[in-house]
Amino acid sequence: MLVLVAPGQGAQTPGFLTPWLELPGAADRIAAWSEAIGLDLVHYGTKADADEIRDTAVAQPLLVAAGLLSAAALGEVAPGAVAGHSVGEFTAAAFAGVLDDTAALRLVRTRGLAMAEAAAVTATGMSALLGGDPEVTVPHLEKLGLTAANVNGAGQIVAAGTLEQLAALDADKPEGVRRVVALKVAGAFHTHHMAPAVAKLEEAAAALSPADPAVTYVSNKDGRTVATGAEVLARLVGQVANPVRWDLCMETFQELGATALIEVCPGGTLTGIAKRALPGVATVALKTPDDLDAARTLIAQHAAV
């Protein structure tokens, strides 16, 4: 059984979209999406520097567009399940047919702008903790006033809070944590700091008519599968200010019988976690079009007909 997953914010790097635009029809598709959301995705995906694409309002639609573009390049795919990490949930919602590509991009553009506005209120950020025991790490973070915003599994937790709280974490790591790495994000996502963004996203979502998922959709909220489009949309809205439980998503992949996982562009982060947490599951990360053949081989071997 094949799982198709989409990465979250921080996966972007300068120029990562460039090789994908060389594929037939890709430039036209990106141009149309750019016009629909009022953002020059070509510029940001090819010429913008790291600081420009770190901007939440830019990074989020850029990541969703890249995920949709790379998935389309695979051709017909019949995954057994789909999921996305944080903003990648919007990409997954489009994979599942809950929203069409343009609707997903318009909604995520609203999300990015609203979260950027919320992040501007207080200087906040996120840092990944490598190693350690969650039962030790999470209480330590709470003691410092931080939130375990992403519980990713395979020994990785992402802390979020003010820059002062993150500095305190650097100086006082939880027992067993090998390293603390600042992430390329512009705010404390999936925490109470993002609460102002929820209302704006809720207003935008109210105008949409989501379809029920055509394939199994696994939610970040609790790792559970979601059967209706209305519930998927409600979870996309609320998840802005709630922790990502990617560890529980992976547990669900196992329960569903996953044998292979493909991570769409800019792939690497989620496949890296899967290699540690899902032994025996074959993985391919779509970083450039050179990875498409390996992904198609995996699809032929593991996807439903």
Protein backbone atom coordinates (compact mmCIF):
# COMPACT_ATOMS: atom_id res chain seq x y z
CA MET A 1 0.00 0.00 0.00
CA LEU A 2 1.37 3.37 -1.06
CA VAL A 3 1.17 6.54 1.04
CA LEU A 4 1.63 9.91 -0.69
CA VAL A 5 2.83 12.66 1.67
CA ALA A 6 3.62 16.37 1.42
CA PRO A 7 6.25 18.24 3.47
CA GLY A 8 5.73 21.33 5.58
CA GLN A 9 7.34 24.72 5.99
CA GLY A 10 11.11 24.76 6.26
CA ALA A 11 11.55 22.23 3.43
CA GLN A 12 11.96 25.01 0.85
CA THR A 13 15.39 26.03 -0.49
CA PRO A 14 16.35 28.76 -2.97
CA GLY A 15 15.75 27.75 -6.59
CA PHE A 16 14.17 24.38 -5.76
CA LEU A 17 11.35 24.87 -8.28
CA THR A 18 13.67 25.60 -11.24
CA PRO A 19 14.10 22.07 -12.68
CA TRP A 20 10.38 21.30 -12.33
CA LEU A 21 9.44 24.22 -14.59
CA GLU A 22 11.25 22.50 -17.45
CA LEU A 23 8.63 19.74 -17.55
CA PRO A 24 5.93 19.98 -20.25
CA GLY A 25 3.07 22.24 -19.16
CA ALA A 26 4.62 23.02 -15.76
CA ALA A 27 5.40 26.69 -16.45
CA ASP A 28 1.86 27.33 -17.70
CA ARG A 29 0.35 25.66 -14.67
CA ILE A 30 2.48 27.65 -12.22
CA ALA A 31 1.71 30.88 -14.12
CA ALA A 32 -2.02 30.22 -13.84
CA TRP A 33 -1.75 29.51 -10.12
CA SER A 34 0.35 32.64 -9.63
CA GLU A 35 -2.36 34.76 -11.24
CA ALA A 36 -5.09 33.06 -9.21
CA ILE A 37 -3.46 33.83 -5.84
CA GLY A 38 -1.67 37.10 -6.69
CA LEU A 39 1.82 35.77 -5.98
CA ASP A 40 4.69 35.26 -8.44
CA LEU A 41 5.44 31.62 -7.69
CA VAL A 42 7.97 31.42 -10.52
CA HIS A 43 10.10 34.21 -9.05
CA TYR A 44 9.96 32.83 -5.53
CA GLY A 45 10.64 29.28 -6.65
CA THR A 46 13.56 30.11 -8.92
CA LYS A 47 15.23 33.44 -8.13
CA ALA A 48 14.31 34.43 -4.56
CA ASP A 49 16.87 34.05 -1.79
CA ALA A 50 16.47 32.12 1.47
CA ASP A 51 15.15 35.12 3.40
CA GLU A 52 12.47 35.86 0.80
CA ILE A 53 11.11 32.32 0.81
CA ARG A 54 11.30 32.12 4.59
CA ASP A 55 8.42 34.62 4.64
CA THR A 56 5.40 32.61 5.78
CA ALA A 57 3.08 34.30 3.30
CA VAL A 58 5.37 33.15 0.46
CA ALA A 59 6.62 29.79 1.71
CA GLN A 60 3.22 28.21 2.30
CA PRO A 61 1.67 28.63 -1.18
CA LEU A 62 5.06 27.94 -2.78
CA LEU A 63 5.32 24.57 -1.00
CA VAL A 64 1.77 23.56 -1.88
CA ALA A 65 2.30 24.54 -5.53
CA ALA A 66 5.53 22.53 -5.69
CA GLY A 67 3.84 19.50 -4.16
CA LEU A 68 0.94 19.64 -6.60
CA LEU A 69 3.24 20.16 -9.58
CA SER A 70 5.53 17.26 -8.71
CA ALA A 71 2.61 14.92 -8.00
CA ALA A 72 1.07 15.78 -11.37
CA ALA A 73 4.38 14.85 -13.02
CA LEU A 74 4.00 11.31 -11.68
CA GLY A 75 0.96 10.70 -13.84
CA GLU A 76 -1.97 8.65 -12.60
CA VAL A 77 -1.39 7.56 -8.99
CA ALA A 78 -3.71 5.51 -6.78
CA PRO A 79 -2.32 5.87 -3.24
CA GLY A 80 -3.87 3.96 -0.40
CA ALA A 81 -3.63 7.05 1.81
CA VAL A 82 -2.50 10.67 1.72
CA ALA A 83 -1.23 13.02 4.42
CA GLY A 84 0.75 16.22 4.76
CA HIS A 85 2.87 17.77 7.47
CA SER A 86 1.43 21.12 8.62
CA VAL A 87 0.85 23.21 5.46
CA GLY A 88 1.38 19.97 3.53
CA GLU A 89 -2.12 19.00 4.70
CA PHE A 90 -3.47 21.42 2.09
CA THR A 91 -1.51 19.60 -0.59
CA ALA A 92 -2.88 16.31 0.71
CA ALA A 93 -6.43 17.70 0.68
CA ALA A 94 -6.00 18.44 -3.02
CA PHE A 95 -4.56 14.94 -3.59
CA ALA A 96 -7.68 13.50 -1.96
CA GLY A 97 -10.02 15.65 -4.06
CA VAL A 98 -11.37 17.55 -1.05
CA LEU A 99 -10.36 20.83 -2.72
CA ASP A 100 -9.29 21.48 -6.29
CA ASP A 101 -5.75 22.76 -6.82
CA THR A 102 -6.71 26.42 -7.18
CA ALA A 103 -9.02 26.40 -4.15
CA ALA A 104 -6.30 24.78 -2.05
CA LEU A 105 -3.77 27.40 -3.14
CA ARG A 106 -6.14 30.30 -2.51
CA LEU A 107 -6.94 29.02 0.95
CA VAL A 108 -3.29 28.43 1.80
CA ARG A 109 -2.44 31.91 0.56
CA THR A 110 -4.94 33.24 3.10
CA ARG A 111 -3.40 30.98 5.73
CA GLY A 112 0.12 32.21 5.02
CA LEU A 113 -0.87 35.88 5.16
CA ALA A 114 -2.86 35.40 8.37
CA MET A 115 -0.07 33.44 10.06
CA ALA A 116 2.53 35.99 8.98
CA GLU A 117 0.39 38.73 10.52
CA ALA A 118 0.03 36.73 13.74
CA ALA A 119 3.78 36.02 13.81
CA ALA A 120 4.54 39.74 13.54
CA VAL A 121 2.92 40.45 16.91
CA THR A 122 5.72 38.79 18.91
CA ALA A 123 9.19 37.62 17.85
CA THR A 124 8.78 33.85 17.80
CA GLY A 125 10.26 30.81 16.09
CA MET A 126 10.73 27.05 16.12
CA SER A 127 13.63 24.68 16.80
CA ALA A 128 13.97 20.96 16.17
CA LEU A 129 15.25 18.78 19.00
CA LEU A 130 17.14 15.72 17.83
CA GLY A 131 17.18 12.74 20.17
CA GLY A 132 15.74 12.44 23.63
CA ASP A 133 12.67 10.84 25.16
CA PRO A 134 9.34 12.66 24.61
CA GLU A 135 8.31 11.88 28.18
CA VAL A 136 11.34 13.87 29.36
CA THR A 137 11.46 16.47 26.59
CA VAL A 138 7.85 17.68 26.61
CA PRO A 139 7.73 18.56 30.36
CA HIS A 140 11.11 20.30 29.98
CA LEU A 141 9.74 22.42 27.14
CA GLU A 142 6.67 23.30 29.17
CA LYS A 143 8.91 24.37 32.05
CA LEU A 144 10.59 26.85 29.68
CA GLY A 145 7.23 28.13 28.43
CA LEU A 146 7.62 26.40 25.06
CA THR A 147 5.15 24.21 23.15
CA ALA A 148 5.89 20.84 21.55
CA ALA A 149 4.40 22.11 18.28
CA ASN A 150 5.46 19.13 16.13
CA VAL A 151 5.80 15.63 17.55
CA ASN A 152 7.35 13.98 14.52
CA GLY A 153 8.38 10.58 15.83
CA ALA A 154 11.77 8.90 15.37
CA GLY A 155 13.18 10.98 18.22
CA GLN A 156 12.29 14.39 16.77
CA ILE A 157 10.21 17.06 18.47
CA VAL A 158 9.92 20.68 17.35
CA ALA A 159 9.65 23.32 20.05
CA ALA A 160 7.94 26.65 19.42
CA GLY A 161 7.76 29.88 21.37
CA THR A 162 9.35 33.28 21.77
CA LEU A 163 12.95 33.86 20.71
CA GLU A 164 13.86 34.34 24.37
CA GLN A 165 12.34 30.97 25.28
CA LEU A 166 14.18 29.30 22.39
CA ALA A 167 17.45 30.89 23.54
CA ALA A 168 16.82 29.44 26.99
CA LEU A 169 16.34 26.03 25.34
CA ASP A 170 19.71 26.34 23.59
CA ALA A 171 21.30 26.93 26.98
CA ASP A 172 19.32 24.23 28.78
CA LYS A 173 18.62 21.23 26.53
CA PRO A 174 16.47 18.37 27.83
CA GLU A 175 18.34 15.28 28.97
CA GLY A 176 19.14 13.02 26.00
CA VAL A 177 18.71 15.69 23.32
CA ARG A 178 21.80 15.72 21.10
CA ARG A 179 21.18 18.91 19.21
CA VAL A 180 18.80 21.86 18.89
CA VAL A 181 18.43 23.21 15.34
CA ALA A 182 16.65 26.48 14.52
CA LEU A 183 14.16 26.03 11.67
CA LYS A 184 13.69 28.23 8.60
CA VAL A 185 10.28 29.50 9.68
CA ALA A 186 9.09 32.92 10.74
CA GLY A 187 6.93 32.18 13.74
CA ALA A 188 5.75 29.80 16.46
CA PHE A 189 3.33 27.83 14.30
CA HIS A 190 0.84 25.39 15.80
CA THR A 191 0.80 27.24 19.12
CA HIS A 192 -1.43 29.79 20.83
CA HIS A 193 0.59 32.50 19.09
CA MET A 194 -1.30 31.59 15.89
CA ALA A 195 -4.80 31.91 17.38
CA PRO A 196 -5.54 35.21 15.53
CA ALA A 197 -5.02 33.41 12.20
CA VAL A 198 -7.69 30.80 12.91
CA ALA A 199 -10.61 33.24 12.61
CA LYS A 200 -9.40 34.58 9.25
CA LEU A 201 -8.91 31.10 7.86
CA GLU A 202 -12.30 30.03 9.16
CA GLU A 203 -13.94 32.93 7.32
CA ALA A 204 -12.21 32.01 4.05
CA ALA A 205 -13.06 28.32 4.45
CA ALA A 206 -16.75 29.10 4.95
CA ALA A 207 -17.03 30.07 1.28
CA LEU A 208 -15.81 26.66 0.06
CA SER A 209 -17.73 23.48 -0.74
CA PRO A 210 -15.34 20.63 0.04
CA ALA A 211 -15.86 17.15 -1.41
CA ASP A 212 -15.44 14.01 0.65
CA PRO A 213 -11.97 12.46 0.31
CA ALA A 214 -11.65 10.08 -2.64
CA VAL A 215 -8.78 8.29 -0.86
CA THR A 216 -7.95 7.78 2.81
CA TYR A 217 -6.95 11.11 4.37
CA VAL A 218 -4.85 11.02 7.55
CA SER A 219 -5.03 14.09 9.81
CA ASN A 220 -2.23 15.81 11.75
CA LYS A 221 -4.56 16.49 14.66
CA ASP A 222 -4.59 12.95 16.00
CA GLY A 223 -3.39 10.66 13.21
CA ARG A 224 -6.94 9.53 12.51
CA THR A 225 -8.49 9.08 9.10
CA VAL A 226 -11.17 11.60 8.14
CA ALA A 227 -14.16 10.58 6.04
CA THR A 228 -15.86 13.87 5.14
CA GLY A 229 -14.69 16.97 3.33
CA ALA A 230 -16.34 19.21 5.91
CA GLU A 231 -14.30 17.61 8.69
CA VAL A 232 -11.07 17.81 6.67
CA LEU A 233 -11.67 21.53 6.14
CA ALA A 234 -12.49 22.13 9.81
CA ARG A 235 -9.27 20.37 10.82
CA LEU A 236 -7.22 22.40 8.32
CA VAL A 237 -8.52 25.56 9.99
CA GLY A 238 -8.03 24.49 13.60
CA GLN A 239 -4.63 22.90 13.01
CA VAL A 240 -3.02 26.33 12.59
CA ALA A 241 -2.97 26.75 16.39
CA ASN A 242 -2.66 23.09 17.44
CA PRO A 243 0.32 20.73 17.54
CA VAL A 244 1.19 18.49 14.59
CA ARG A 245 1.17 14.79 15.56
CA TRP A 246 3.12 13.29 12.68
CA ASP A 247 4.10 10.42 14.97
CA LEU A 248 0.44 9.39 15.17
CA CYS A 249 0.06 9.75 11.40
CA MET A 250 2.88 7.27 10.90
CA GLU A 251 1.29 4.87 13.36
CA THR A 252 -1.84 5.02 11.21
CA PHE A 253 0.20 4.36 8.06
CA GLN A 254 1.43 1.18 9.74
CA GLU A 255 -2.08 0.17 10.78
CA LEU A 256 -3.29 0.68 7.21
CA GLY A 257 -0.56 -1.64 5.95
CA ALA A 258 1.74 0.87 4.26
CA THR A 259 4.56 -0.71 2.27
CA ALA A 260 5.82 2.38 0.42
CA LEU A 261 5.89 6.15 0.88
CA ILE A 262 6.50 8.90 -1.67
CA GLU A 263 7.16 12.44 -0.48
CA VAL A 264 6.40 15.13 -3.06
CA CYS A 265 8.66 18.10 -3.78
CA PRO A 266 10.58 19.42 -1.90
CA GLY A 267 10.97 15.95 -0.46
CA GLY A 268 13.46 14.69 2.08
CA THR A 269 12.28 15.59 5.58
CA LEU A 270 9.38 13.15 5.89
CA THR A 271 11.18 10.32 4.12
CA GLY A 272 14.08 10.81 6.53
CA ILE A 273 11.74 10.38 9.48
CA ALA A 274 10.02 7.41 7.83
CA LYS A 275 13.30 5.59 7.31
CA ARG A 276 13.82 5.63 11.07
CA ALA A 277 10.23 5.16 12.23
CA LEU A 278 8.82 2.85 9.54
CA PRO A 279 11.44 0.15 8.96
CA GLY A 280 10.71 -1.99 5.91
CA VAL A 281 8.65 0.72 4.19
CA ALA A 282 10.20 1.71 0.84
CA THR A 283 10.59 5.47 0.36
CA VAL A 284 11.27 7.97 -2.43
CA ALA A 285 11.65 11.72 -1.96
CA LEU A 286 10.90 13.92 -4.97
CA LYS A 287 13.63 16.55 -4.88
CA THR A 288 14.11 17.05 -8.64
CA PRO A 289 12.51 15.48 -11.74
CA ASP A 290 15.41 13.02 -11.73
CA ASP A 291 13.57 11.25 -8.88
CA LEU A 292 10.40 10.64 -10.91
CA ASP A 293 11.48 7.31 -12.39
CA ALA A 294 12.24 5.83 -8.97
CA ALA A 295 8.87 7.06 -7.71
CA ARG A 296 7.04 5.57 -10.70
CA THR A 297 8.73 2.23 -10.03
CA LEU A 298 7.48 2.37 -6.45
CA ILE A 299 3.99 3.23 -7.68
CA ALA A 300 3.98 0.25 -10.04
CA GLN A 301 5.03 -2.06 -7.21
CA HIS A 302 2.89 -0.75 -4.35
CA ALA A 303 -0.07 1.37 -5.54
CA ALA A 304 -3.56 0.04 -6.10
CA VAL A 305 -4.72 -0.55 -9.68
